[in-house]
């Protein structure tokens, strides 16, 4: 994967996990356009939260979506949704 510092600063995409239990709550993690997350670039807390959200998909969190950062109502493409579901 690319330089981790560059990913932290320049990533224009994020994986979003919307909470199924608390309306308006979501977990976001920087990623590349394909939805790949560089775990080494995350802090320990962010990594733990990301792995927890992945494990709780369907229970506490909806299937993740890859979106451009800063866009509240961004709709992910069907290809990216399929890629993420297959990765989980």
Protein backbone atom coordinates (compact mmCIF):
# COMPACT_ATOMS: atom_id res chain seq x y z
CA UNK A 1 0.00 0.00 0.00
CA UNK A 2 1.06 3.61 -0.46
CA UNK A 3 2.94 5.64 2.11
CA UNK A 4 0.89 5.52 5.31
CA UNK A 5 1.45 9.20 6.17
CA UNK A 6 0.23 10.18 2.73
CA UNK A 7 -2.87 8.06 3.16
CA UNK A 8 -3.71 9.73 6.47
CA UNK A 9 -3.41 13.22 5.02
CA UNK A 10 -4.52 12.78 1.43
CA UNK A 11 -7.18 10.08 1.53
CA UNK A 12 -10.30 11.48 -0.05
CA UNK A 13 -12.33 8.34 0.62
CA UNK A 14 -13.61 6.74 3.78
CA UNK A 15 -15.39 3.57 4.81
CA UNK A 16 -18.58 4.40 6.71
CA UNK A 17 -20.30 2.02 9.10
CA UNK A 18 -23.78 3.35 10.01
CA UNK A 19 -25.08 2.28 13.41
CA UNK A 20 -28.22 0.15 13.39
CA UNK A 21 -28.88 0.96 17.05
CA UNK A 22 -28.30 4.72 17.36
CA UNK A 23 -29.70 6.97 14.67
CA UNK A 24 -27.13 9.41 13.28
CA UNK A 25 -24.12 7.53 14.66
CA UNK A 26 -21.51 6.18 12.26
CA UNK A 27 -17.89 5.09 12.33
CA UNK A 28 -15.66 6.39 9.53
CA UNK A 29 -12.17 5.23 8.58
CA UNK A 30 -9.92 6.57 5.80
CA UNK A 31 -9.45 4.21 2.85
CA UNK A 32 -8.48 4.10 -0.80
CA UNK A 33 -11.07 4.31 -3.62
CA UNK A 34 -11.47 0.51 -3.54
CA UNK A 35 -12.33 0.51 0.18
CA UNK A 36 -9.02 -0.92 1.40
CA UNK A 37 -8.02 0.32 4.86
CA UNK A 38 -4.35 0.59 5.81
CA UNK A 39 -4.48 -0.82 9.34
CA UNK A 40 -0.89 0.23 10.03
CA UNK A 41 -1.82 3.87 9.40
CA UNK A 42 -4.57 3.84 12.05
CA UNK A 43 -4.10 4.60 15.72
CA UNK A 44 -4.64 1.67 18.06
CA UNK A 45 -8.05 3.01 19.09
CA UNK A 46 -9.15 3.60 15.48
CA UNK A 47 -7.96 0.12 14.48
CA UNK A 48 -9.85 -1.46 17.38
CA UNK A 49 -13.04 0.46 16.51
CA UNK A 50 -12.73 -0.47 12.82
CA UNK A 51 -12.25 -4.17 13.55
CA UNK A 52 -15.16 -4.09 16.03
CA UNK A 53 -17.44 -2.44 13.45
CA UNK A 54 -16.48 -5.06 10.83
CA UNK A 55 -17.24 -7.86 13.28
CA UNK A 56 -20.62 -6.31 14.20
CA UNK A 57 -21.94 -5.79 10.65
CA UNK A 58 -25.55 -6.93 10.63
CA UNK A 59 -25.81 -6.71 14.42
CA UNK A 60 -24.80 -3.20 15.46
CA UNK A 61 -23.64 -1.71 12.15
CA UNK A 62 -24.99 -1.71 8.60
CA UNK A 63 -22.85 -2.96 5.72
CA UNK A 64 -20.07 -0.44 5.14
CA UNK A 65 -20.10 2.05 2.30
CA UNK A 66 -17.13 3.72 0.60
CA UNK A 67 -17.77 7.44 0.15
CA UNK A 68 -15.82 10.58 -0.59
CA UNK A 69 -14.83 12.34 2.63
CA UNK A 70 -16.98 15.21 3.78
CA UNK A 71 -20.08 14.30 1.81
CA UNK A 72 -22.94 13.46 4.14
CA UNK A 73 -25.33 12.01 1.60
CA UNK A 74 -22.87 10.36 -0.76
CA UNK A 75 -24.24 7.20 -2.32
CA UNK A 76 -21.61 4.50 -2.85
CA UNK A 77 -21.53 2.63 -6.11
CA UNK A 78 -22.97 -0.88 -6.28
CA UNK A 79 -19.52 -2.19 -7.25
CA UNK A 80 -17.95 -0.80 -4.08
CA UNK A 81 -20.78 -2.13 -1.91
CA UNK A 82 -20.33 -5.59 -3.43
CA UNK A 83 -16.55 -5.43 -2.94
CA UNK A 84 -16.92 -4.53 0.73
CA UNK A 85 -19.55 -7.21 1.41
CA UNK A 86 -17.31 -9.83 -0.18
CA UNK A 87 -14.35 -8.66 1.93
CA UNK A 88 -16.23 -9.11 5.22
